[in-house]
C-alpha atoms as a PDB file:
ATOM      1  CA  UNK A   1     -41.977  39.241  87.972  1.00  0.00           C
ATOM      2  CA  UNK A   2     -44.971  39.631  85.915  1.00  0.00           C
ATOM      3  CA  UNK A   3     -46.156  36.991  83.373  1.00  0.00           C
ATOM      4  CA  UNK A   4     -45.546  37.436  79.784  1.00  0.00           C
ATOM      5  CA  UNK A   5     -48.455  38.281  77.508  1.00  0.00           C
ATOM      6  CA  UNK A   6     -49.365  36.074  74.627  1.00  0.00           C
ATOM      7  CA  UNK A   7     -48.145  38.726  72.239  1.00  0.00           C
ATOM      8  CA  UNK A   8     -44.775  39.004  73.920  1.00  0.00           C
ATOM      9  CA  UNK A   9     -44.404  35.199  73.736  1.00  0.00           C
ATOM     10  CA  UNK A  10     -45.209  35.267  70.078  1.00  0.00           C
ATOM     11  CA  UNK A  11     -42.779  38.030  69.324  1.00  0.00           C
ATOM     12  CA  UNK A  12     -40.019  36.289  71.331  1.00  0.00           C
ATOM     13  CA  UNK A  13     -40.822  33.050  69.498  1.00  0.00           C
ATOM     14  CA  UNK A  14     -40.728  34.761  66.137  1.00  0.00           C
ATOM     15  CA  UNK A  15     -37.293  36.490  67.114  1.00  0.00           C
ATOM     16  CA  UNK A  16     -35.921  33.144  68.125  1.00  0.00           C
ATOM     17  CA  UNK A  17     -37.107  31.527  64.875  1.00  0.00           C
ATOM     18  CA  UNK A  18     -35.466  34.371  62.900  1.00  0.00           C
ATOM     19  CA  UNK A  19     -32.293  33.987  64.856  1.00  0.00           C
ATOM     20  CA  UNK A  20     -32.232  30.219  64.176  1.00  0.00           C
ATOM     21  CA  UNK A  21     -33.018  30.655  60.465  1.00  0.00           C
ATOM     22  CA  UNK A  22     -30.169  33.098  60.261  1.00  0.00           C
ATOM     23  CA  UNK A  23     -27.793  30.859  61.888  1.00  0.00           C
ATOM     24  CA  UNK A  24     -28.856  27.963  59.599  1.00  0.00           C
ATOM     25  CA  UNK A  25     -28.281  30.322  56.555  1.00  0.00           C
ATOM     26  CA  UNK A  26     -24.828  31.254  57.799  1.00  0.00           C
ATOM     27  CA  UNK A  27     -23.932  27.713  58.438  1.00  0.00           C
ATOM     28  CA  UNK A  28     -24.995  26.632  54.960  1.00  0.00           C
ATOM     29  CA  UNK A  29     -23.235  29.709  53.431  1.00  0.00           C
ATOM     30  CA  UNK A  30     -20.101  28.768  55.258  1.00  0.00           C
ATOM     31  CA  UNK A  31     -20.344  25.102  54.385  1.00  0.00           C
ATOM     32  CA  UNK A  32     -20.952  25.739  50.754  1.00  0.00           C
ATOM     33  CA  UNK A  33     -18.135  28.322  50.653  1.00  0.00           C
ATOM     34  CA  UNK A  34     -15.737  25.726  52.100  1.00  0.00           C
ATOM     35  CA  UNK A  35     -16.852  23.004  49.764  1.00  0.00           C
ATOM     36  CA  UNK A  36     -16.643  25.361  46.770  1.00  0.00           C
ATOM     37  CA  UNK A  37     -13.142  26.536  47.735  1.00  0.00           C
ATOM     38  CA  UNK A  38     -12.035  22.915  48.300  1.00  0.00           C
ATOM     39  CA  UNK A  39     -13.647  21.834  44.974  1.00  0.00           C
ATOM     40  CA  UNK A  40     -11.887  24.774  43.276  1.00  0.00           C
ATOM     41  CA  UNK A  41      -8.448  23.766  44.793  1.00  0.00           C
ATOM     42  CA  UNK A  42      -8.953  20.098  43.867  1.00  0.00           C
ATOM     43  CA  UNK A  43     -10.031  21.008  40.453  1.00  0.00           C
ATOM     44  CA  UNK A  44      -6.880  23.176  39.883  1.00  0.00           C
ATOM     45  CA  UNK A  45      -4.696  20.460  41.215  1.00  0.00           C
ATOM     46  CA  UNK A  46      -6.180  17.824  38.772  1.00  0.00           C
ATOM     47  CA  UNK A  47      -5.894  20.272  35.705  1.00  0.00           C
ATOM     48  CA  UNK A  48      -2.161  20.896  36.318  1.00  0.00           C
END
């Protein structure tokens, strides 16, 4: 197996960072969505 060139390593690292960032965004999005739904449900319950 041949060694990776610097460019390939950089590209792989960049791709990994993009994937990580995407997962973080998704986690935040899901978390905020859950909190918003929960807050909305609690708010409705309190208003009634």
